[in-house]
């Protein structure tokens, strides 16, 4: 009992809460964006328990027919009466349904907004199925999807949800980076930047991750051969979710070691412990390449040259194009695309890829995504 109490946060007073932010994977960018709005953050790992008879009674009542997290949030929403409840699209229940969707079915006094942390096509693991028939489940949802771009109006498909309203806002992480980045011009220090996509080795047997790893290995082979042929160095943008570059005893981390085994050409690495290291490396490179990575969409939205490959339809929804996406490329077609992109004037390149960029990511005005989300929330508050 004592250990359970340590994981609870007790509070008497009820805060002024117009916006309830439910913490989850990737939700930190939401809190960083809503500065100035009366918000309250619900942390499901350390729940805030309000010492109120009605709150405690509601918690116990909801627990009879709901999971612990859903019961807690239902009681919290009823207690705080927020106009808007917002979280990421990664917030799901134990039975692999959108938690925001489940809450919206029960609570009609609040508006619910889901903020994607990436672009989603019809994927392997994002569609719940009926346990008896095996058919995909489809839910018409009142949750507003604050999508990345206009293309998501047709392509977004996660957790079987069909959102009645989708509002393209852009990517918050990109907007925060642009907002906080120094105004000085970015110097192009690297020829090619690879966005790392190794993932969790324990999940490499899953269909989508297995395909991604195979594609990424091919991409690295192509880039290494290209670099050796042209005598250029490569920078590897390690993702923040990767292990640290060096263990405490100074041994090389397994991610770095994987790349050193693959590459004969000269490679350098970003420091994944630094905020926005991938963003900066991409901005400082003439070309950023990768596979299934939202970092490529972000870089595209910032006006950089990018090229992604896949041996199937693009998981990011990037239209097949010799300028942005190569489907089933050979080494020769990869080389031809890289040479063409690097040789093209940046303004001409941006004009040729304008439609793709505008469809894929709403990010043409610096930190517009923050303003777009704030505007959407304020609109919802007014309608309550």
Protein backbone atom coordinates (compact mmCIF):
# COMPACT_ATOMS: atom_id res chain seq x y z
CA UNK A 1 0.00 0.00 0.00
CA UNK A 2 2.85 2.38 0.85
CA UNK A 3 4.41 1.82 -2.59
CA UNK A 4 1.10 2.57 -4.29
CA UNK A 5 0.70 5.81 -2.33
CA UNK A 6 4.18 6.91 -3.44
CA UNK A 7 2.94 6.80 -7.04
CA UNK A 8 0.03 9.13 -6.32
CA UNK A 9 -0.10 12.90 -6.14
CA UNK A 10 -2.74 14.20 -3.70
CA UNK A 11 -4.36 17.60 -4.05
CA UNK A 12 -7.20 19.51 -2.38
CA UNK A 13 -7.76 22.51 -4.66
CA UNK A 14 -9.21 22.25 -8.14
CA UNK A 15 -7.17 24.21 -10.72
CA UNK A 16 -8.55 26.47 -13.43
CA UNK A 17 -8.53 24.05 -16.33
CA UNK A 18 -9.75 24.90 -19.80
CA UNK A 19 -7.48 22.32 -21.43
CA UNK A 20 -6.68 18.88 -20.03
CA UNK A 21 -3.49 17.42 -21.54
CA UNK A 22 -3.22 13.68 -21.08
CA UNK A 23 0.42 12.68 -20.96
CA UNK A 24 1.50 9.85 -23.23
CA UNK A 25 4.19 8.97 -25.73
CA UNK A 26 5.27 12.09 -27.64
CA UNK A 27 2.94 14.37 -25.64
CA UNK A 28 5.71 16.63 -24.38
CA UNK A 29 5.49 18.77 -27.51
CA UNK A 30 1.82 19.50 -26.75
CA UNK A 31 2.61 20.92 -23.31
CA UNK A 32 5.49 22.94 -24.76
CA UNK A 33 3.12 24.44 -27.31
CA UNK A 34 0.25 25.50 -25.04
CA UNK A 35 2.06 28.15 -23.04
CA UNK A 36 -0.41 30.75 -21.80
CA UNK A 37 -3.50 28.55 -21.83
CA UNK A 38 -5.00 27.34 -18.50
CA UNK A 39 -3.98 23.69 -18.76
CA UNK A 40 -3.69 20.73 -16.42
CA UNK A 41 -1.52 17.71 -17.25
CA UNK A 42 -2.85 14.27 -16.36
CA UNK A 43 0.02 11.85 -15.78
CA UNK A 44 -1.26 8.28 -15.84
CA UNK A 45 1.99 7.00 -14.27
CA UNK A 46 1.64 9.35 -11.27
CA UNK A 47 -2.09 10.20 -11.06
CA UNK A 48 -3.25 13.31 -9.23
CA UNK A 49 -5.92 12.29 -6.72
CA UNK A 50 -8.22 15.12 -5.70
CA UNK A 51 -9.34 14.81 -2.10
CA UNK A 52 -12.98 15.29 -2.95
CA UNK A 53 -15.82 12.93 -2.04
CA UNK A 54 -17.40 13.18 -5.49
CA UNK A 55 -14.08 12.62 -7.30
CA UNK A 56 -13.23 9.54 -5.23
CA UNK A 57 -16.76 8.18 -5.56
CA UNK A 58 -16.66 8.60 -9.34
CA UNK A 59 -13.28 6.85 -9.55
CA UNK A 60 -14.65 3.81 -7.73
CA UNK A 61 -17.83 3.81 -9.78
CA UNK A 62 -16.05 3.98 -13.15
CA UNK A 63 -13.62 1.22 -12.12
CA UNK A 64 -16.47 -1.27 -12.11
CA UNK A 65 -16.74 -1.26 -15.91
CA UNK A 66 -13.57 0.41 -17.21
CA UNK A 67 -9.82 -0.02 -17.11
CA UNK A 68 -7.93 1.85 -14.40
CA UNK A 69 -6.65 4.58 -16.76
CA UNK A 70 -10.00 5.17 -18.45
CA UNK A 71 -11.83 5.20 -15.10
CA UNK A 72 -9.37 7.73 -13.69
CA UNK A 73 -9.65 10.03 -16.72
CA UNK A 74 -13.43 9.85 -16.74
CA UNK A 75 -13.50 10.91 -13.07
CA UNK A 76 -10.87 13.60 -13.70
CA UNK A 77 -12.75 15.11 -16.64
CA UNK A 78 -15.97 15.14 -14.66
CA UNK A 79 -14.17 16.83 -11.76
CA UNK A 80 -12.22 19.48 -13.73
CA UNK A 81 -14.81 20.09 -16.46
CA UNK A 82 -12.25 21.03 -19.14
CA UNK A 83 -13.52 22.44 -22.42
CA UNK A 84 -10.88 20.49 -24.35
CA UNK A 85 -9.05 17.21 -23.74
CA UNK A 86 -5.95 16.75 -25.90
CA UNK A 87 -3.29 14.08 -26.26
CA UNK A 88 -1.39 12.21 -28.96
CA UNK A 89 -2.66 9.49 -31.24
CA UNK A 90 -0.38 7.07 -29.37
CA UNK A 91 -2.69 7.08 -26.32
CA UNK A 92 -4.41 3.69 -26.47
CA UNK A 93 -6.26 1.33 -24.13
CA UNK A 94 -5.24 -2.21 -23.28
CA UNK A 95 -7.58 -3.56 -25.97
CA UNK A 96 -5.81 -1.42 -28.60
CA UNK A 97 -8.42 1.24 -29.05
CA UNK A 98 -7.88 4.97 -28.98
CA UNK A 99 -8.31 6.11 -25.37
CA UNK A 100 -9.45 9.54 -26.52
CA UNK A 101 -12.12 7.89 -28.64
CA UNK A 102 -13.36 5.82 -25.69
CA UNK A 103 -13.52 8.93 -23.52
CA UNK A 104 -15.35 10.90 -26.21
CA UNK A 105 -18.04 8.22 -26.36
CA UNK A 106 -18.74 8.72 -22.66
CA UNK A 107 -18.14 12.46 -22.20
CA UNK A 108 -20.16 14.91 -24.32
CA UNK A 109 -19.37 18.10 -22.39
CA UNK A 110 -15.77 18.33 -23.67
CA UNK A 111 -14.13 18.44 -27.09
CA UNK A 112 -11.38 15.89 -27.76
CA UNK A 113 -8.33 16.53 -29.96
CA UNK A 114 -5.81 13.94 -31.10
CA UNK A 115 -2.39 15.19 -32.25
CA UNK A 116 -0.47 12.76 -34.47
CA UNK A 117 3.25 12.41 -33.87
CA UNK A 118 3.71 10.92 -37.34
CA UNK A 119 2.00 10.26 -40.62
CA UNK A 120 0.05 7.00 -40.85
CA UNK A 121 -1.10 4.85 -43.73
CA UNK A 122 -2.95 1.58 -43.36
CA UNK A 123 -0.40 -0.30 -41.28
CA UNK A 124 0.04 -3.73 -39.77
CA UNK A 125 -0.32 -2.88 -36.11
CA UNK A 126 -2.75 0.05 -36.11
CA UNK A 127 -5.99 -1.70 -37.01
CA UNK A 128 -7.97 -3.51 -34.31
CA UNK A 129 -9.87 -6.56 -35.47
CA UNK A 130 -12.93 -8.39 -34.23
CA UNK A 131 -11.77 -11.31 -32.08
CA UNK A 132 -14.42 -13.63 -33.56
CA UNK A 133 -14.63 -12.69 -37.23
CA UNK A 134 -11.14 -11.26 -37.73
CA UNK A 135 -12.60 -8.33 -39.64
CA UNK A 136 -11.10 -4.87 -39.18
CA UNK A 137 -13.06 -2.69 -36.80
CA UNK A 138 -14.04 0.80 -37.97
CA UNK A 139 -15.19 3.52 -35.59
CA UNK A 140 -16.68 6.86 -36.58
CA UNK A 141 -15.11 9.22 -34.09
CA UNK A 142 -15.99 12.62 -32.65
CA UNK A 143 -12.30 13.12 -31.77
CA UNK A 144 -10.86 15.96 -33.85
CA UNK A 145 -7.66 14.94 -35.60
CA UNK A 146 -5.09 17.75 -35.69
CA UNK A 147 -3.28 16.20 -38.63
CA UNK A 148 0.16 16.82 -40.09
CA UNK A 149 -0.92 17.80 -43.60
CA UNK A 150 -3.72 17.94 -46.13
CA UNK A 151 -2.86 14.47 -47.37
CA UNK A 152 -3.98 13.00 -44.04
CA UNK A 153 -7.56 13.91 -44.94
CA UNK A 154 -7.49 10.85 -47.21
CA UNK A 155 -4.66 8.67 -45.93
CA UNK A 156 -4.63 8.82 -42.11
CA UNK A 157 -5.73 5.44 -40.80
CA UNK A 158 -4.94 4.39 -37.24
CA UNK A 159 -6.79 2.34 -34.62
CA UNK A 160 -9.67 1.92 -37.06
CA UNK A 161 -10.86 5.50 -36.54
CA UNK A 162 -12.71 7.55 -39.10
CA UNK A 163 -12.53 11.08 -37.73
CA UNK A 164 -15.54 13.27 -38.53
CA UNK A 165 -13.27 16.31 -38.51
CA UNK A 166 -9.61 16.59 -39.54
CA UNK A 167 -7.73 19.89 -39.25
CA UNK A 168 -4.20 20.03 -40.78
CA UNK A 169 -1.89 21.89 -38.37
CA UNK A 170 1.64 20.58 -39.06
CA UNK A 171 4.12 18.93 -36.70
CA UNK A 172 4.56 20.51 -33.27
CA UNK A 173 8.11 19.21 -32.81
CA UNK A 174 9.11 20.90 -36.06
CA UNK A 175 7.42 24.14 -35.01
CA UNK A 176 9.12 24.17 -31.60
CA UNK A 177 12.49 23.62 -33.26
CA UNK A 178 11.89 26.47 -35.72
CA UNK A 179 10.65 28.72 -32.92
CA UNK A 180 13.68 28.11 -30.72
CA UNK A 181 16.39 27.82 -33.38
CA UNK A 182 18.86 30.68 -33.69
CA UNK A 183 18.07 33.06 -36.53
CA UNK A 184 21.55 32.75 -38.05
CA UNK A 185 21.70 31.14 -41.53
CA UNK A 186 22.40 27.39 -41.47
CA UNK A 187 25.70 26.36 -43.03
CA UNK A 188 25.66 23.23 -45.19
CA UNK A 189 28.50 21.22 -43.66
CA UNK A 190 27.59 17.73 -44.89
CA UNK A 191 26.79 16.22 -48.27
CA UNK A 192 24.43 13.45 -47.15
CA UNK A 193 22.69 12.83 -43.83
CA UNK A 194 21.12 9.45 -43.03
CA UNK A 195 18.28 9.40 -40.48
CA UNK A 196 18.89 6.31 -38.36
CA UNK A 197 16.11 3.73 -38.35
CA UNK A 198 17.30 0.66 -36.46
CA UNK A 199 14.50 0.54 -33.90
CA UNK A 200 14.19 -1.92 -31.03
CA UNK A 201 16.04 -5.18 -31.98
CA UNK A 202 13.52 -7.20 -29.96
CA UNK A 203 10.77 -6.13 -32.39
CA UNK A 204 12.57 -6.83 -35.66
CA UNK A 205 10.38 -9.90 -36.23
CA UNK A 206 7.26 -7.72 -36.61
CA UNK A 207 6.25 -7.37 -40.29
CA UNK A 208 6.51 -3.59 -40.60
CA UNK A 209 9.73 -3.28 -38.59
CA UNK A 210 11.30 -6.22 -40.42
CA UNK A 211 10.51 -4.55 -43.75
CA UNK A 212 11.87 -1.22 -42.46
CA UNK A 213 15.14 -2.80 -41.30
CA UNK A 214 15.65 -4.62 -44.60
CA UNK A 215 14.98 -1.40 -46.51
CA UNK A 216 17.28 0.59 -44.24
CA UNK A 217 20.11 -1.91 -44.70
CA UNK A 218 19.73 -1.55 -48.48
CA UNK A 219 19.72 2.25 -48.18
CA UNK A 220 22.94 2.19 -46.13
CA UNK A 221 24.58 -0.08 -48.70
CA UNK A 222 23.59 2.32 -51.50
CA UNK A 223 24.81 5.40 -49.61
CA UNK A 224 28.11 3.74 -48.69
CA UNK A 225 28.78 2.77 -52.31
CA UNK A 226 27.83 6.27 -53.46
CA UNK A 227 30.10 7.88 -50.85
CA UNK A 228 33.07 5.70 -51.77
CA UNK A 229 32.56 6.42 -55.46
CA UNK A 230 32.39 10.19 -54.88
CA UNK A 231 34.84 10.43 -51.96
CA UNK A 232 32.42 12.16 -49.56
CA UNK A 233 31.72 11.75 -45.86
CA UNK A 234 28.36 10.82 -44.37
CA UNK A 235 26.72 12.00 -41.15
CA UNK A 236 24.36 9.67 -39.26
CA UNK A 237 21.51 11.35 -37.37
CA UNK A 238 20.91 9.10 -34.37
CA UNK A 239 17.36 9.22 -33.08
CA UNK A 240 16.75 10.47 -29.53
CA UNK A 241 15.23 7.08 -28.68
CA UNK A 242 18.53 5.35 -29.44
CA UNK A 243 20.81 4.30 -26.62
CA UNK A 244 23.48 6.82 -25.66
CA UNK A 245 26.55 6.97 -27.88
CA UNK A 246 28.84 5.53 -25.24
CA UNK A 247 28.23 3.37 -22.21
CA UNK A 248 29.62 4.44 -18.85
CA UNK A 249 32.76 2.34 -19.35
CA UNK A 250 33.49 4.07 -22.65
CA UNK A 251 32.65 1.16 -24.96
CA UNK A 252 31.08 2.03 -28.32
CA UNK A 253 27.32 1.78 -28.30
CA UNK A 254 25.67 -0.98 -30.33
CA UNK A 255 23.97 1.50 -32.69
CA UNK A 256 27.25 3.18 -33.60
CA UNK A 257 28.91 -0.22 -33.92
CA UNK A 258 26.18 -1.37 -36.33
CA UNK A 259 26.95 1.54 -38.67
CA UNK A 260 30.71 1.06 -38.44
CA UNK A 261 30.26 -2.56 -39.48
CA UNK A 262 28.17 -1.51 -42.48
CA UNK A 263 30.19 1.43 -43.80
CA UNK A 264 33.58 1.51 -45.47
CA UNK A 265 33.27 5.26 -46.15
CA UNK A 266 33.91 7.96 -43.54
CA UNK A 267 30.97 8.50 -41.17
CA UNK A 268 30.26 10.83 -38.25
CA UNK A 269 27.42 10.76 -35.73
CA UNK A 270 25.14 13.28 -34.12
CA UNK A 271 24.86 13.39 -30.34
CA UNK A 272 21.38 11.96 -29.75
CA UNK A 273 21.31 13.37 -26.21
CA UNK A 274 21.06 16.92 -27.60
CA UNK A 275 17.63 18.36 -28.36
CA UNK A 276 16.83 18.51 -32.09
CA UNK A 277 20.15 16.95 -33.10
CA UNK A 278 18.49 15.25 -36.09
CA UNK A 279 16.81 18.51 -37.15
CA UNK A 280 20.13 20.36 -37.04
CA UNK A 281 22.04 17.64 -38.90
CA UNK A 282 19.42 17.61 -41.65
CA UNK A 283 19.46 21.41 -41.94
CA UNK A 284 23.26 21.29 -42.25
CA UNK A 285 23.19 18.66 -45.02
CA UNK A 286 22.73 19.05 -48.76
CA UNK A 287 20.51 15.94 -48.80
CA UNK A 288 18.80 13.90 -46.09
CA UNK A 289 17.92 10.27 -46.86
CA UNK A 290 16.01 7.63 -44.93
CA UNK A 291 13.11 5.20 -44.86
CA UNK A 292 9.98 5.33 -42.68
CA UNK A 293 10.81 8.44 -40.62
CA UNK A 294 8.74 11.52 -39.79
CA UNK A 295 12.06 13.39 -39.57
CA UNK A 296 12.07 13.34 -43.37
CA UNK A 297 8.66 15.02 -43.51
CA UNK A 298 9.83 17.63 -41.00
CA UNK A 299 12.97 18.34 -42.99
CA UNK A 300 10.90 18.56 -46.17
CA UNK A 301 8.62 21.07 -44.45
CA UNK A 302 11.63 23.20 -43.54
CA UNK A 303 12.63 23.43 -47.20
CA UNK A 304 15.44 20.87 -47.25
CA UNK A 305 16.18 18.31 -49.94
CA UNK A 306 15.11 14.81 -48.90
CA UNK A 307 14.92 11.37 -50.49
CA UNK A 308 13.25 8.31 -49.01
CA UNK A 309 13.12 4.77 -50.39
CA UNK A 310 10.84 1.80 -49.77
CA UNK A 311 10.21 -1.57 -51.39
CA UNK A 312 6.45 -1.17 -51.33
CA UNK A 313 4.08 1.79 -51.03
CA UNK A 314 5.50 4.57 -48.87
CA UNK A 315 4.45 4.19 -45.19
CA UNK A 316 4.64 7.99 -44.96
CA UNK A 317 2.28 8.51 -47.87
CA UNK A 318 4.93 10.26 -49.96
CA UNK A 319 3.87 10.13 -53.62
CA UNK A 320 6.24 8.22 -55.89
CA UNK A 321 8.56 10.83 -57.36
CA UNK A 322 12.10 10.99 -58.65
CA UNK A 323 12.56 14.01 -56.37
CA UNK A 324 11.28 12.75 -53.00
CA UNK A 325 10.41 9.02 -53.00
CA UNK A 326 11.90 6.05 -54.85
CA UNK A 327 9.90 2.84 -54.96
CA UNK A 328 11.89 -0.40 -55.41
CA UNK A 329 15.06 1.42 -56.51
CA UNK A 330 18.15 -0.25 -57.90
CA UNK A 331 21.55 1.17 -57.01
CA UNK A 332 21.76 2.80 -60.44
CA UNK A 333 18.37 4.53 -60.07
CA UNK A 334 19.32 5.64 -56.55
CA UNK A 335 22.58 7.18 -57.82
CA UNK A 336 20.76 8.95 -60.65
CA UNK A 337 18.23 10.44 -58.22
CA UNK A 338 20.90 11.60 -55.73
CA UNK A 339 23.02 13.17 -58.48
CA UNK A 340 19.98 14.96 -59.93
CA UNK A 341 18.79 16.28 -56.55
CA UNK A 342 22.23 17.47 -55.42
CA UNK A 343 22.83 19.25 -58.72
CA UNK A 344 19.45 21.03 -58.72
CA UNK A 345 19.20 24.62 -57.54
CA UNK A 346 17.36 24.70 -54.20
CA UNK A 347 14.70 27.13 -55.40
CA UNK A 348 13.98 24.97 -58.46
CA UNK A 349 13.87 21.88 -56.25
CA UNK A 350 11.39 23.54 -53.89
CA UNK A 351 9.17 24.51 -56.80
CA UNK A 352 9.23 20.97 -58.21
CA UNK A 353 8.33 19.46 -54.83
CA UNK A 354 5.87 22.15 -53.73
CA UNK A 355 2.74 20.00 -54.10
CA UNK A 356 4.25 17.07 -52.19
CA UNK A 357 5.40 19.32 -49.35
CA UNK A 358 2.07 21.11 -49.03
CA UNK A 359 0.16 17.82 -48.99
CA UNK A 360 2.43 16.03 -46.56
CA UNK A 361 3.13 18.65 -43.92
CA UNK A 362 1.47 21.93 -42.98
CA UNK A 363 4.68 23.77 -42.17
CA UNK A 364 5.29 26.69 -44.47
CA UNK A 365 5.34 29.53 -41.91
CA UNK A 366 7.93 28.73 -39.28
CA UNK A 367 6.18 27.81 -36.03
CA UNK A 368 2.73 27.75 -37.64
CA UNK A 369 1.80 24.40 -36.09
CA UNK A 370 1.79 25.93 -32.60
CA UNK A 371 -0.46 28.77 -33.72
CA UNK A 372 -2.68 26.35 -35.62
CA UNK A 373 -3.20 24.07 -32.60
CA UNK A 374 -3.77 27.01 -30.27
CA UNK A 375 -6.30 28.48 -32.69
CA UNK A 376 -8.13 25.13 -32.92
CA UNK A 377 -8.26 24.77 -29.12
CA UNK A 378 -9.50 28.33 -28.64
CA UNK A 379 -12.20 27.70 -31.24
CA UNK A 380 -13.30 24.57 -29.36
CA UNK A 381 -13.37 26.43 -26.04
CA UNK A 382 -15.69 29.05 -27.51
CA UNK A 383 -18.15 26.44 -28.74
CA UNK A 384 -18.56 24.72 -25.36
